[in-house]
């Protein structure tokens, strides 16, 4: 069951699912001749992207915009517990977004994919873009993709938590994670000292890291200490698909919203246990 309102995205265009299309008069079609008859494939069914505007969600929006694959945005308001609904858990058993459902998966049958790294790899294979086939190039992409999934994202997330959401200051924990993010920025800076992108060519590894690397100051870092990362952020951030992907779902959250002041959301997000 889909939410009552979804948004269709693709090629930089957002269309409300409940909007009525305007009809325009069209010129008569030419009569078929040997010159203008051609076989056409039916349009691809859009991928459903279960999403909320967080860095992990934006990774997938960027990839979909980069590849031009059509998709429909299915909002999952994690601050209101929508990630625990049975219909969402059926496709994302870890009760985390993002997740996707591709109605035209392997063999033409639907498939659901959860976990952002797995989704990026799936979309790379499906589109044949940004995820190389050659073993050596693919290994490099996977190394830096997993580096982000296992390091930069979780550590930056902990910095945000301890700097912004704890009820009582935790100096040791806060500094512990600021230091680790500093180390990770240093790792990335050294890597980018000899290449433009993390795996050599622009890839899903860059798309994964970018939403977590921007806003260094909010993570307790001075971006000028990492000139190669700063140049990479500017380089990736100029891509039109990245700009669109970073703004996907902006309408879902009020400009005045602050999780810091949302006690209900904090209970849902930070009080989860197995039962």
Protein backbone atom coordinates (compact mmCIF):
# COMPACT_ATOMS: atom_id res chain seq x y z
CA UNK A 1 0.00 0.00 0.00
CA UNK A 2 1.46 3.36 -1.01
CA UNK A 3 1.14 6.60 0.98
CA UNK A 4 -1.75 8.87 -0.09
CA UNK A 5 0.56 11.24 -1.94
CA UNK A 6 3.70 10.45 -3.86
CA UNK A 7 5.95 12.43 -6.13
CA UNK A 8 7.28 11.27 -9.50
CA UNK A 9 10.83 12.30 -10.27
CA UNK A 10 13.13 11.98 -13.21
CA UNK A 11 15.24 14.19 -15.46
CA UNK A 12 15.02 16.93 -12.87
CA UNK A 13 11.21 17.18 -12.92
CA UNK A 14 8.91 16.68 -9.93
CA UNK A 15 5.27 15.84 -10.63
CA UNK A 16 2.58 15.50 -7.97
CA UNK A 17 0.94 12.11 -8.39
CA UNK A 18 -2.57 13.49 -7.89
CA UNK A 19 -2.20 16.38 -10.34
CA UNK A 20 -4.40 16.26 -13.44
CA UNK A 21 -2.43 16.57 -16.68
CA UNK A 22 -3.39 19.40 -19.00
CA UNK A 23 -4.52 18.35 -22.43
CA UNK A 24 -3.20 20.10 -25.51
CA UNK A 25 -4.24 19.73 -29.10
CA UNK A 26 -1.71 17.76 -31.09
CA UNK A 27 -1.05 17.78 -34.82
CA UNK A 28 -2.21 14.67 -36.66
CA UNK A 29 0.28 11.82 -36.72
CA UNK A 30 1.85 10.97 -40.06
CA UNK A 31 0.61 7.89 -41.79
CA UNK A 32 2.94 4.94 -41.27
CA UNK A 33 5.41 4.45 -44.09
CA UNK A 34 8.48 2.32 -44.45
CA UNK A 35 10.48 5.39 -43.45
CA UNK A 36 8.72 6.37 -40.23
CA UNK A 37 7.58 3.03 -38.80
CA UNK A 38 9.76 1.83 -35.94
CA UNK A 39 9.44 -0.52 -33.01
CA UNK A 40 9.20 1.18 -29.62
CA UNK A 41 9.52 -0.23 -26.12
CA UNK A 42 6.89 0.56 -23.50
CA UNK A 43 8.05 3.19 -20.98
CA UNK A 44 9.80 1.78 -17.93
CA UNK A 45 7.76 1.54 -14.77
CA UNK A 46 9.13 3.96 -12.16
CA UNK A 47 11.14 2.77 -9.20
CA UNK A 48 9.57 3.52 -5.81
CA UNK A 49 12.05 5.31 -3.55
CA UNK A 50 11.11 5.14 0.14
CA UNK A 51 12.76 8.28 1.43
CA UNK A 52 13.20 11.01 3.99
CA UNK A 53 15.53 13.98 3.40
CA UNK A 54 18.58 12.72 5.30
CA UNK A 55 22.10 12.10 3.95
CA UNK A 56 21.36 8.41 3.37
CA UNK A 57 18.19 9.20 1.48
CA UNK A 58 19.94 11.83 -0.62
CA UNK A 59 22.57 9.32 -1.77
CA UNK A 60 19.92 7.38 -3.64
CA UNK A 61 18.17 10.47 -4.99
CA UNK A 62 21.49 11.62 -6.46
CA UNK A 63 22.07 8.25 -8.13
CA UNK A 64 18.57 8.18 -9.62
CA UNK A 65 19.01 11.71 -10.94
CA UNK A 66 22.45 10.86 -12.36
CA UNK A 67 21.18 7.79 -14.21
CA UNK A 68 17.91 9.32 -15.40
CA UNK A 69 15.92 6.35 -14.13
CA UNK A 70 12.33 7.37 -13.47
CA UNK A 71 11.19 7.08 -9.88
CA UNK A 72 8.35 7.89 -7.54
CA UNK A 73 9.10 9.31 -4.12
CA UNK A 74 7.35 7.51 -1.26
CA UNK A 75 7.88 9.63 1.87
CA UNK A 76 8.65 7.75 5.11
CA UNK A 77 8.44 10.22 7.99
CA UNK A 78 10.95 8.71 10.37
CA UNK A 79 10.17 11.33 13.02
CA UNK A 80 6.60 10.02 13.22
CA UNK A 81 7.43 6.32 13.22
CA UNK A 82 6.30 5.49 9.68
CA UNK A 83 9.37 3.25 9.31
CA UNK A 84 7.67 0.76 11.65
CA UNK A 85 4.58 0.25 9.50
CA UNK A 86 4.20 -3.40 8.39
CA UNK A 87 4.12 -2.49 4.70
CA UNK A 88 7.47 -0.73 5.03
CA UNK A 89 9.04 -3.46 7.16
CA UNK A 90 8.14 -5.92 4.40
CA UNK A 91 10.73 -4.23 2.17
CA UNK A 92 13.12 -2.86 4.81
CA UNK A 93 13.32 -5.29 7.76
CA UNK A 94 15.89 -3.05 9.49
CA UNK A 95 13.16 -0.34 9.74
CA UNK A 96 15.47 2.19 8.13
CA UNK A 97 15.07 4.15 4.97
CA UNK A 98 16.05 4.41 2.18
CA UNK A 99 14.66 1.41 0.39
CA UNK A 100 13.50 0.89 -3.16
CA UNK A 101 11.07 -1.31 -5.02
CA UNK A 102 11.87 -1.85 -8.68
CA UNK A 103 8.82 -3.25 -10.50
CA UNK A 104 11.10 -4.31 -13.35
CA UNK A 105 13.81 -6.12 -11.47
CA UNK A 106 15.87 -9.16 -12.55
CA UNK A 107 13.94 -11.32 -14.98
CA UNK A 108 11.32 -8.59 -15.27
CA UNK A 109 9.98 -9.34 -11.80
CA UNK A 110 9.69 -6.84 -8.92
CA UNK A 111 12.47 -6.65 -6.37
CA UNK A 112 12.92 -4.68 -3.17
CA UNK A 113 16.32 -3.53 -1.91
CA UNK A 114 17.21 -2.01 1.45
CA UNK A 115 20.48 -0.53 2.80
CA UNK A 116 21.88 2.43 0.89
CA UNK A 117 25.09 0.74 -0.25
CA UNK A 118 23.22 -2.24 -1.67
CA UNK A 119 20.77 0.09 -3.41
CA UNK A 120 23.59 2.07 -5.05
CA UNK A 121 25.21 -1.15 -6.29
CA UNK A 122 21.88 -2.44 -7.61
CA UNK A 123 21.16 0.78 -9.47
CA UNK A 124 24.70 0.80 -10.83
CA UNK A 125 24.24 -2.68 -12.26
CA UNK A 126 20.77 -1.88 -13.60
CA UNK A 127 21.83 1.31 -15.35
CA UNK A 128 25.34 0.22 -16.29
CA UNK A 129 26.68 3.53 -14.96
CA UNK A 130 28.93 4.74 -12.13
CA UNK A 131 29.73 1.17 -11.01
CA UNK A 132 32.43 -0.30 -13.26
CA UNK A 133 32.45 -3.88 -14.50
CA UNK A 134 36.24 -4.34 -14.59
CA UNK A 135 37.41 -6.03 -11.41
CA UNK A 136 40.14 -3.59 -10.37
CA UNK A 137 37.98 -0.53 -10.92
CA UNK A 138 35.02 -2.16 -9.17
CA UNK A 139 37.13 -3.12 -6.16
CA UNK A 140 38.21 0.52 -5.74
CA UNK A 141 34.59 1.72 -5.88
CA UNK A 142 33.48 -0.89 -3.36
CA UNK A 143 36.34 -0.07 -0.98
CA UNK A 144 35.31 3.58 -0.78
CA UNK A 145 31.61 2.83 -0.78
CA UNK A 146 32.03 0.56 2.25
CA UNK A 147 34.40 3.09 3.84
CA UNK A 148 31.54 5.56 3.79
CA UNK A 149 28.85 3.11 4.89
CA UNK A 150 30.91 1.76 7.77
CA UNK A 151 32.87 4.86 8.75
CA UNK A 152 32.09 8.37 7.58
CA UNK A 153 28.30 8.07 7.85
CA UNK A 154 28.05 6.43 11.30
CA UNK A 155 30.77 8.58 12.84
CA UNK A 156 29.35 11.84 11.47
CA UNK A 157 25.94 10.74 12.70
CA UNK A 158 27.29 10.28 16.21
CA UNK A 159 28.82 13.76 16.14
CA UNK A 160 25.44 15.23 15.20
CA UNK A 161 23.76 13.26 17.96
CA UNK A 162 26.08 14.23 20.80
CA UNK A 163 26.42 17.85 19.67
CA UNK A 164 22.72 18.48 19.14
CA UNK A 165 20.36 16.03 20.80
CA UNK A 166 21.60 14.82 24.19
CA UNK A 167 19.78 16.25 27.21
CA UNK A 168 23.02 16.58 29.19
CA UNK A 169 26.41 17.45 27.64
CA UNK A 170 28.69 14.47 27.06
CA UNK A 171 32.14 16.04 26.49
CA UNK A 172 34.04 12.76 26.18
CA UNK A 173 31.65 11.19 23.66
CA UNK A 174 31.35 14.40 21.66
CA UNK A 175 35.10 14.85 21.34
CA UNK A 176 35.63 11.16 20.65
CA UNK A 177 33.47 11.30 17.54
CA UNK A 178 34.70 14.72 16.41
CA UNK A 179 38.24 13.28 16.49
CA UNK A 180 37.21 10.23 14.50
CA UNK A 181 35.48 12.33 11.84
CA UNK A 182 38.62 14.46 11.69
CA UNK A 183 40.65 11.30 11.05
CA UNK A 184 38.24 10.24 8.30
CA UNK A 185 38.39 13.63 6.61
CA UNK A 186 42.16 13.24 6.68
CA UNK A 187 41.94 9.81 5.04
CA UNK A 188 39.74 11.28 2.31
CA UNK A 189 41.98 14.31 1.88
CA UNK A 190 45.06 12.15 1.30
CA UNK A 191 43.15 9.99 -1.17
CA UNK A 192 41.92 13.00 -3.13
CA UNK A 193 45.41 14.51 -3.27
CA UNK A 194 46.22 12.35 -6.30
CA UNK A 195 42.84 11.99 -8.05
CA UNK A 196 39.64 13.95 -8.67
CA UNK A 197 37.29 11.32 -7.26
CA UNK A 198 37.50 8.67 -4.56
CA UNK A 199 37.84 5.70 -6.91
CA UNK A 200 39.50 7.56 -9.78
CA UNK A 201 36.42 8.20 -11.93
CA UNK A 202 33.19 9.64 -10.57
CA UNK A 203 31.14 6.78 -9.10
CA UNK A 204 28.62 5.65 -6.53
CA UNK A 205 31.39 5.99 -3.93
CA UNK A 206 31.37 9.77 -4.40
CA UNK A 207 27.57 9.87 -4.34
CA UNK A 208 27.59 7.97 -1.04
CA UNK A 209 30.17 10.20 0.63
CA UNK A 210 29.06 13.61 -0.61
CA UNK A 211 25.90 14.13 1.52
CA UNK A 212 27.88 13.14 4.63
CA UNK A 213 30.96 15.23 3.78
CA UNK A 214 29.23 18.57 3.16
CA UNK A 215 28.73 20.84 6.14
CA UNK A 216 32.06 20.07 7.79
CA UNK A 217 31.56 22.80 10.39
CA UNK A 218 28.47 21.05 11.75
CA UNK A 219 30.71 18.06 12.42
CA UNK A 220 33.25 20.10 14.35
CA UNK A 221 35.67 20.37 11.42
CA UNK A 222 37.38 23.22 9.60
CA UNK A 223 37.09 22.40 5.91
CA UNK A 224 40.13 24.58 5.13
CA UNK A 225 42.23 21.98 6.96
CA UNK A 226 41.31 19.55 4.16
CA UNK A 227 41.90 21.39 0.86
CA UNK A 228 41.52 18.31 -1.33
CA UNK A 229 38.18 17.43 0.28
CA UNK A 230 37.07 21.04 -0.10
CA UNK A 231 37.91 21.00 -3.83
CA UNK A 232 36.14 17.64 -4.24
CA UNK A 233 33.00 18.95 -2.51
CA UNK A 234 32.98 21.91 -4.89
CA UNK A 235 33.61 19.64 -7.90
CA UNK A 236 30.89 17.13 -7.08
CA UNK A 237 28.50 19.82 -5.87
CA UNK A 238 28.53 21.53 -9.28
CA UNK A 239 26.99 18.51 -11.02
CA UNK A 240 23.41 19.28 -12.02
CA UNK A 241 22.16 15.83 -10.96
CA UNK A 242 23.79 16.25 -7.54
CA UNK A 243 22.13 19.63 -7.10
CA UNK A 244 18.75 18.12 -7.98
CA UNK A 245 19.30 15.05 -5.81
CA UNK A 246 20.27 17.12 -2.78
CA UNK A 247 17.01 19.08 -3.11
CA UNK A 248 14.71 16.10 -3.59
CA UNK A 249 12.12 15.99 -0.83
CA UNK A 250 12.85 19.51 0.39
CA UNK A 251 9.10 20.13 0.49
CA UNK A 252 8.67 17.37 3.09
CA UNK A 253 10.21 19.36 5.92
CA UNK A 254 9.35 22.86 7.03
CA UNK A 255 12.13 25.43 6.77
CA UNK A 256 11.57 26.19 10.45
CA UNK A 257 11.66 22.54 11.57
CA UNK A 258 14.29 21.54 14.12
CA UNK A 259 14.70 17.99 15.40
CA UNK A 260 16.37 19.51 18.45
CA UNK A 261 12.96 20.83 19.56
CA UNK A 262 10.86 17.84 18.47
CA UNK A 263 10.60 15.72 21.61
CA UNK A 264 8.22 13.20 20.01
CA UNK A 265 10.61 12.56 17.12
CA UNK A 266 13.60 12.21 19.44
CA UNK A 267 11.80 9.56 21.47
CA UNK A 268 11.04 7.62 18.29
CA UNK A 269 14.49 7.97 16.74
CA UNK A 270 16.71 7.61 19.79
CA UNK A 271 14.74 5.24 22.01
CA UNK A 272 14.51 2.21 19.73
CA UNK A 273 15.07 -1.26 21.15
CA UNK A 274 14.36 -4.74 19.90
CA UNK A 275 10.94 -4.57 21.57
